PDB file of N, CA and C in Angstrom:
ATOM      1  N   UNK A   1     -67.588   9.756 -24.596  1.00  0.00           N
ATOM      2  CA  UNK A   1     -68.238  10.675 -23.579  1.00  0.00           C
ATOM      3  C   UNK A   1     -67.134  11.221 -22.847  1.00  0.00           C
ATOM      4  N   UNK A   2     -67.074  12.610 -22.730  1.00  0.00           N
ATOM      5  CA  UNK A   2     -66.107  13.307 -21.926  1.00  0.00           C
ATOM      6  C   UNK A   2     -66.318  13.138 -20.415  1.00  0.00           C
ATOM      7  N   UNK A   3     -65.375  13.464 -19.667  1.00  0.00           N
ATOM      8  CA  UNK A   3     -65.405  13.267 -18.231  1.00  0.00           C
ATOM      9  C   UNK A   3     -66.502  14.094 -17.630  1.00  0.00           C
ATOM     10  N   UNK A   4     -66.718  15.353 -17.917  1.00  0.00           N
ATOM     11  CA  UNK A   4     -67.741  16.209 -17.298  1.00  0.00           C
ATOM     12  C   UNK A   4     -69.130  15.642 -17.561  1.00  0.00           C
ATOM     13  N   UNK A   5     -69.418  15.181 -18.813  1.00  0.00           N
ATOM     14  CA  UNK A   5     -70.655  14.651 -19.040  1.00  0.00           C
ATOM     15  C   UNK A   5     -70.963  13.260 -18.383  1.00  0.00           C
ATOM     16  N   UNK A   6     -69.897  12.544 -18.252  1.00  0.00           N
ATOM     17  CA  UNK A   6     -69.901  11.236 -17.509  1.00  0.00           C
ATOM     18  C   UNK A   6     -70.267  11.472 -16.046  1.00  0.00           C
ATOM     19  N   UNK A   7     -69.655  12.500 -15.467  1.00  0.00           N
ATOM     20  CA  UNK A   7     -69.844  12.844 -14.032  1.00  0.00           C
ATOM     21  C   UNK A   7     -71.319  13.335 -13.908  1.00  0.00           C
ATOM     22  N   UNK A   8     -71.774  14.066 -14.832  1.00  0.00           N
ATOM     23  CA  UNK A   8     -73.187  14.569 -14.797  1.00  0.00           C
ATOM     24  C   UNK A   8     -74.177  13.439 -14.947  1.00  0.00           C
ATOM     25  N   UNK A   9     -73.979  12.507 -15.739  1.00  0.00           N
ATOM     26  CA  UNK A   9     -74.771  11.307 -16.043  1.00  0.00           C
ATOM     27  C   UNK A   9     -74.805  10.459 -14.676  1.00  0.00           C
ATOM     28  N   UNK A  10     -73.596  10.280 -14.090  1.00  0.00           N
ATOM     29  CA  UNK A  10     -73.522   9.613 -12.813  1.00  0.00           C
ATOM     30  C   UNK A  10     -74.341  10.251 -11.689  1.00  0.00           C
ATOM     31  N   UNK A  11     -74.313  11.558 -11.647  1.00  0.00           N
ATOM     32  CA  UNK A  11     -75.030  12.332 -10.559  1.00  0.00           C
ATOM     33  C   UNK A  11     -76.443  12.180 -10.818  1.00  0.00           C
ATOM     34  N   UNK A  12     -76.908  12.238 -12.024  1.00  0.00           N
ATOM     35  CA  UNK A  12     -78.395  12.099 -12.381  1.00  0.00           C
ATOM     36  C   UNK A  12     -78.808  10.635 -11.938  1.00  0.00           C
ATOM     37  N   UNK A  13     -78.058   9.652 -12.243  1.00  0.00           N
ATOM     38  CA  UNK A  13     -78.363   8.285 -11.797  1.00  0.00           C
ATOM     39  C   UNK A  13     -78.507   8.195 -10.257  1.00  0.00           C
ATOM     40  N   UNK A  14     -77.531   8.710  -9.626  1.00  0.00           N
ATOM     41  CA  UNK A  14     -77.478   8.774  -8.127  1.00  0.00           C
ATOM     42  C   UNK A  14     -78.840   9.367  -7.556  1.00  0.00           C
ATOM     43  N   UNK A  15     -79.139  10.522  -8.088  1.00  0.00           N
ATOM     44  CA  UNK A  15     -80.353  11.153  -7.718  1.00  0.00           C
ATOM     45  C   UNK A  15     -81.603  10.322  -8.002  1.00  0.00           C
ATOM     46  N   UNK A  16     -81.630   9.661  -9.064  1.00  0.00           N
ATOM     47  CA  UNK A  16     -82.849   8.671  -9.441  1.00  0.00           C
ATOM     48  C   UNK A  16     -82.864   7.538  -8.398  1.00  0.00           C
ATOM     49  N   UNK A  17     -81.745   7.005  -8.094  1.00  0.00           N
ATOM     50  CA  UNK A  17     -81.684   5.808  -7.154  1.00  0.00           C
ATOM     51  C   UNK A  17     -82.087   6.297  -5.770  1.00  0.00           C
ATOM     52  N   UNK A  18     -81.601   7.505  -5.438  1.00  0.00           N
ATOM     53  CA  UNK A  18     -81.890   8.017  -4.022  1.00  0.00           C
ATOM     54  C   UNK A  18     -83.435   8.275  -3.898  1.00  0.00           C
ATOM     55  N   UNK A  19     -84.154   8.697  -4.939  1.00  0.00           N
ATOM     56  CA  UNK A  19     -85.560   8.901  -4.874  1.00  0.00           C
ATOM     57  C   UNK A  19     -86.252   7.576  -4.757  1.00  0.00           C
ATOM     58  N   UNK A  20     -85.780   6.604  -5.549  1.00  0.00           N
ATOM     59  CA  UNK A  20     -86.369   5.191  -5.459  1.00  0.00           C
ATOM     60  C   UNK A  20     -86.240   4.641  -4.111  1.00  0.00           C
ATOM     61  N   UNK A  21     -85.155   4.842  -3.424  1.00  0.00           N
ATOM     62  CA  UNK A  21     -84.796   4.249  -2.163  1.00  0.00           C
ATOM     63  C   UNK A  21     -85.247   5.124  -1.015  1.00  0.00           C
ATOM     64  N   UNK A  22     -85.985   6.139  -1.217  1.00  0.00           N
ATOM     65  CA  UNK A  22     -86.273   7.174  -0.239  1.00  0.00           C
ATOM     66  C   UNK A  22     -86.699   6.618   1.147  1.00  0.00           C
ATOM     67  N   UNK A  23     -87.609   5.696   1.192  1.00  0.00           N
ATOM     68  CA  UNK A  23     -88.226   5.278   2.455  1.00  0.00           C
ATOM     69  C   UNK A  23     -87.681   3.872   2.804  1.00  0.00           C
ATOM     70  N   UNK A  24     -86.628   3.405   2.201  1.00  0.00           N
ATOM     71  CA  UNK A  24     -86.107   2.006   2.410  1.00  0.00           C
ATOM     72  C   UNK A  24     -84.728   2.180   3.209  1.00  0.00           C
ATOM     73  N   UNK A  25     -84.491   1.322   4.146  1.00  0.00           N
ATOM     74  CA  UNK A  25     -83.271   1.296   4.927  1.00  0.00           C
ATOM     75  C   UNK A  25     -82.315   0.344   4.221  1.00  0.00           C
ATOM     76  N   UNK A  26     -81.325   0.850   3.565  1.00  0.00           N
ATOM     77  CA  UNK A  26     -80.359   0.058   2.812  1.00  0.00           C
ATOM     78  C   UNK A  26     -79.020   0.172   3.349  1.00  0.00           C
ATOM     79  N   UNK A  27     -78.258  -0.948   3.377  1.00  0.00           N
ATOM     80  CA  UNK A  27     -76.914  -1.025   3.932  1.00  0.00           C
ATOM     81  C   UNK A  27     -75.941  -1.584   3.077  1.00  0.00           C
ATOM     82  N   UNK A  28     -74.725  -1.307   3.292  1.00  0.00           N
ATOM     83  CA  UNK A  28     -73.637  -1.901   2.363  1.00  0.00           C
ATOM     84  C   UNK A  28     -72.332  -2.087   3.177  1.00  0.00           C
ATOM     85  N   UNK A  29     -71.607  -2.993   2.661  1.00  0.00           N
ATOM     86  CA  UNK A  29     -70.243  -3.278   3.191  1.00  0.00           C
ATOM     87  C   UNK A  29     -69.361  -3.565   1.997  1.00  0.00           C
ATOM     88  N   UNK A  30     -68.204  -2.977   2.005  1.00  0.00           N
ATOM     89  CA  UNK A  30     -67.213  -3.198   0.948  1.00  0.00           C
ATOM     90  C   UNK A  30     -65.905  -3.788   1.527  1.00  0.00           C
ATOM     91  N   UNK A  31     -65.563  -4.932   1.054  1.00  0.00           N
ATOM     92  CA  UNK A  31     -64.235  -5.504   1.433  1.00  0.00           C
ATOM     93  C   UNK A  31     -63.231  -5.166   0.383  1.00  0.00           C
ATOM     94  N   UNK A  32     -62.306  -4.434   0.684  1.00  0.00           N
ATOM     95  CA  UNK A  32     -61.279  -3.960  -0.221  1.00  0.00           C
ATOM     96  C   UNK A  32     -59.966  -4.812  -0.035  1.00  0.00           C
ATOM     97  N   UNK A  33     -59.474  -5.398  -1.087  1.00  0.00           N
ATOM     98  CA  UNK A  33     -58.203  -6.214  -1.062  1.00  0.00           C
ATOM     99  C   UNK A  33     -57.329  -5.685  -2.128  1.00  0.00           C
ATOM    100  N   UNK A  34     -56.003  -5.551  -1.841  1.00  0.00           N
ATOM    101  CA  UNK A  34     -55.117  -5.137  -2.891  1.00  0.00           C
ATOM    102  C   UNK A  34     -54.473  -3.865  -2.618  1.00  0.00           C
ATOM    103  N   UNK A  35     -54.209  -3.169  -3.616  1.00  0.00           N
ATOM    104  CA  UNK A  35     -53.385  -1.981  -3.622  1.00  0.00           C
ATOM    105  C   UNK A  35     -54.069  -0.757  -3.149  1.00  0.00           C
ATOM    106  N   UNK A  36     -53.417   0.371  -3.169  1.00  0.00           N
ATOM    107  CA  UNK A  36     -53.945   1.713  -2.807  1.00  0.00           C
ATOM    108  C   UNK A  36     -54.978   2.223  -3.874  1.00  0.00           C
ATOM    109  N   UNK A  37     -54.784   1.694  -5.083  1.00  0.00           N
ATOM    110  CA  UNK A  37     -55.810   2.037  -6.091  1.00  0.00           C
ATOM    111  C   UNK A  37     -57.167   1.414  -5.788  1.00  0.00           C
ATOM    112  N   UNK A  38     -57.137   0.233  -5.253  1.00  0.00           N
ATOM    113  CA  UNK A  38     -58.403  -0.409  -4.895  1.00  0.00           C
ATOM    114  C   UNK A  38     -59.023   0.326  -3.663  1.00  0.00           C
ATOM    115  N   UNK A  39     -58.123   0.791  -2.807  1.00  0.00           N
ATOM    116  CA  UNK A  39     -58.739   1.594  -1.647  1.00  0.00           C
ATOM    117  C   UNK A  39     -59.317   2.855  -2.178  1.00  0.00           C
ATOM    118  N   UNK A  40     -58.795   3.467  -3.057  1.00  0.00           N
ATOM    119  CA  UNK A  40     -59.269   4.795  -3.749  1.00  0.00           C
ATOM    120  C   UNK A  40     -60.649   4.467  -4.413  1.00  0.00           C
ATOM    121  N   UNK A  41     -60.713   3.311  -5.144  1.00  0.00           N
ATOM    122  CA  UNK A  41     -62.005   2.983  -5.807  1.00  0.00           C
ATOM    123  C   UNK A  41     -63.081   2.656  -4.697  1.00  0.00           C
ATOM    124  N   UNK A  42     -62.699   1.989  -3.679  1.00  0.00           N
ATOM    125  CA  UNK A  42     -63.659   1.644  -2.623  1.00  0.00           C
ATOM    126  C   UNK A  42     -64.232   2.950  -2.019  1.00  0.00           C
ATOM    127  N   UNK A  43     -63.359   3.893  -1.728  1.00  0.00           N
ATOM    128  CA  UNK A  43     -63.763   5.146  -1.156  1.00  0.00           C
ATOM    129  C   UNK A  43     -64.804   5.855  -2.084  1.00  0.00           C
ATOM    130  N   UNK A  44     -64.473   5.823  -3.421  1.00  0.00           N
ATOM    131  CA  UNK A  44     -65.396   6.451  -4.353  1.00  0.00           C
ATOM    132  C   UNK A  44     -66.654   5.745  -4.262  1.00  0.00           C
ATOM    133  N   UNK A  45     -66.740   4.439  -4.284  1.00  0.00           N
ATOM    134  CA  UNK A  45     -68.056   3.622  -4.204  1.00  0.00           C
ATOM    135  C   UNK A  45     -68.800   3.948  -2.936  1.00  0.00           C
ATOM    136  N   UNK A  46     -68.025   4.100  -1.809  1.00  0.00           N
ATOM    137  CA  UNK A  46     -68.676   4.413  -0.490  1.00  0.00           C
ATOM    138  C   UNK A  46     -69.419   5.702  -0.698  1.00  0.00           C
ATOM    139  N   UNK A  47     -68.824   6.719  -1.226  1.00  0.00           N
ATOM    140  CA  UNK A  47     -69.435   8.064  -1.465  1.00  0.00           C
ATOM    141  C   UNK A  47     -70.631   7.960  -2.276  1.00  0.00           C
ATOM    142  N   UNK A  48     -70.559   7.240  -3.359  1.00  0.00           N
ATOM    143  CA  UNK A  48     -71.731   7.134  -4.302  1.00  0.00           C
ATOM    144  C   UNK A  48     -72.937   6.383  -3.568  1.00  0.00           C
ATOM    145  N   UNK A  49     -72.625   5.304  -2.898  1.00  0.00           N
ATOM    146  CA  UNK A  49     -73.627   4.583  -2.186  1.00  0.00           C
ATOM    147  C   UNK A  49     -74.356   5.451  -1.133  1.00  0.00           C
ATOM    148  N   UNK A  50     -73.480   6.210  -0.335  1.00  0.00           N
ATOM    149  CA  UNK A  50     -74.057   7.018   0.732  1.00  0.00           C
ATOM    150  C   UNK A  50     -74.850   8.102   0.080  1.00  0.00           C
ATOM    151  N   UNK A  51     -74.447   8.672  -1.088  1.00  0.00           N
ATOM    152  CA  UNK A  51     -75.269   9.691  -1.780  1.00  0.00           C
ATOM    153  C   UNK A  51     -76.588   9.044  -2.180  1.00  0.00           C
ATOM    154  N   UNK A  52     -76.623   7.772  -2.387  1.00  0.00           N
ATOM    155  CA  UNK A  52     -77.871   7.178  -2.856  1.00  0.00           C
ATOM    156  C   UNK A  52     -78.798   6.726  -1.677  1.00  0.00           C
ATOM    157  N   UNK A  53     -78.310   6.915  -0.446  1.00  0.00           N
ATOM    158  CA  UNK A  53     -79.148   6.634   0.736  1.00  0.00           C
ATOM    159  C   UNK A  53     -78.679   5.442   1.407  1.00  0.00           C
ATOM    160  N   UNK A  54     -77.661   4.766   1.104  1.00  0.00           N
ATOM    161  CA  UNK A  54     -77.149   3.546   1.799  1.00  0.00           C
ATOM    162  C   UNK A  54     -76.387   3.900   2.997  1.00  0.00           C
ATOM    163  N   UNK A  55     -76.414   2.983   3.972  1.00  0.00           N
ATOM    164  CA  UNK A  55     -75.659   3.273   5.253  1.00  0.00           C
ATOM    165  C   UNK A  55     -74.577   2.172   5.350  1.00  0.00           C
ATOM    166  N   UNK A  56     -73.377   2.610   5.646  1.00  0.00           N
ATOM    167  CA  UNK A  56     -72.244   1.642   5.783  1.00  0.00           C
ATOM    168  C   UNK A  56     -72.415   0.895   7.070  1.00  0.00           C
ATOM    169  N   UNK A  57     -72.159  -0.393   6.984  1.00  0.00           N
ATOM    170  CA  UNK A  57     -72.095  -1.268   8.151  1.00  0.00           C
ATOM    171  C   UNK A  57     -70.784  -2.004   8.264  1.00  0.00           C
ATOM    172  N   UNK A  58     -70.463  -2.371   9.481  1.00  0.00           N
ATOM    173  CA  UNK A  58     -69.168  -3.157   9.672  1.00  0.00           C
ATOM    174  C   UNK A  58     -69.348  -4.623   9.176  1.00  0.00           C
ATOM    175  N   UNK A  59     -68.294  -5.277   8.766  1.00  0.00           N
ATOM    176  CA  UNK A  59     -68.233  -6.562   8.351  1.00  0.00           C
ATOM    177  C   UNK A  59     -68.770  -7.445   9.553  1.00  0.00           C
ATOM    178  N   UNK A  60     -69.571  -8.465   9.210  1.00  0.00           N
ATOM    179  CA  UNK A  60     -70.117  -9.438  10.081  1.00  0.00           C
ATOM    180  C   UNK A  60     -71.298  -8.976  10.926  1.00  0.00           C
ATOM    181  N   UNK A  61     -71.665  -7.713  10.721  1.00  0.00           N
ATOM    182  CA  UNK A  61     -72.823  -7.258  11.414  1.00  0.00           C
ATOM    183  C   UNK A  61     -74.135  -7.808  10.805  1.00  0.00           C
ATOM    184  N   UNK A  62     -75.043  -8.292  11.622  1.00  0.00           N
ATOM    185  CA  UNK A  62     -76.310  -8.785  11.018  1.00  0.00           C
ATOM    186  C   UNK A  62     -77.427  -7.791  11.370  1.00  0.00           C
ATOM    187  N   UNK A  63     -78.144  -7.445  10.375  1.00  0.00           N
ATOM    188  CA  UNK A  63     -79.192  -6.447  10.511  1.00  0.00           C
ATOM    189  C   UNK A  63     -80.353  -6.735   9.521  1.00  0.00           C
TER     190      UNK A  63
END
């Protein structure tokens, strides 16, 4: 699978999940350990999760 079709597939999946989670309050927290590449991957995941309707929370927060 080439990169453009993979990105298209990921965007379609994100839209499906967003519709499923429409009326649900979802939260996430990502703990990143390691190198700058891990930081980059975490930022990508944050963007994807937020596109799906998840809200970022701080570590240790109870909700």
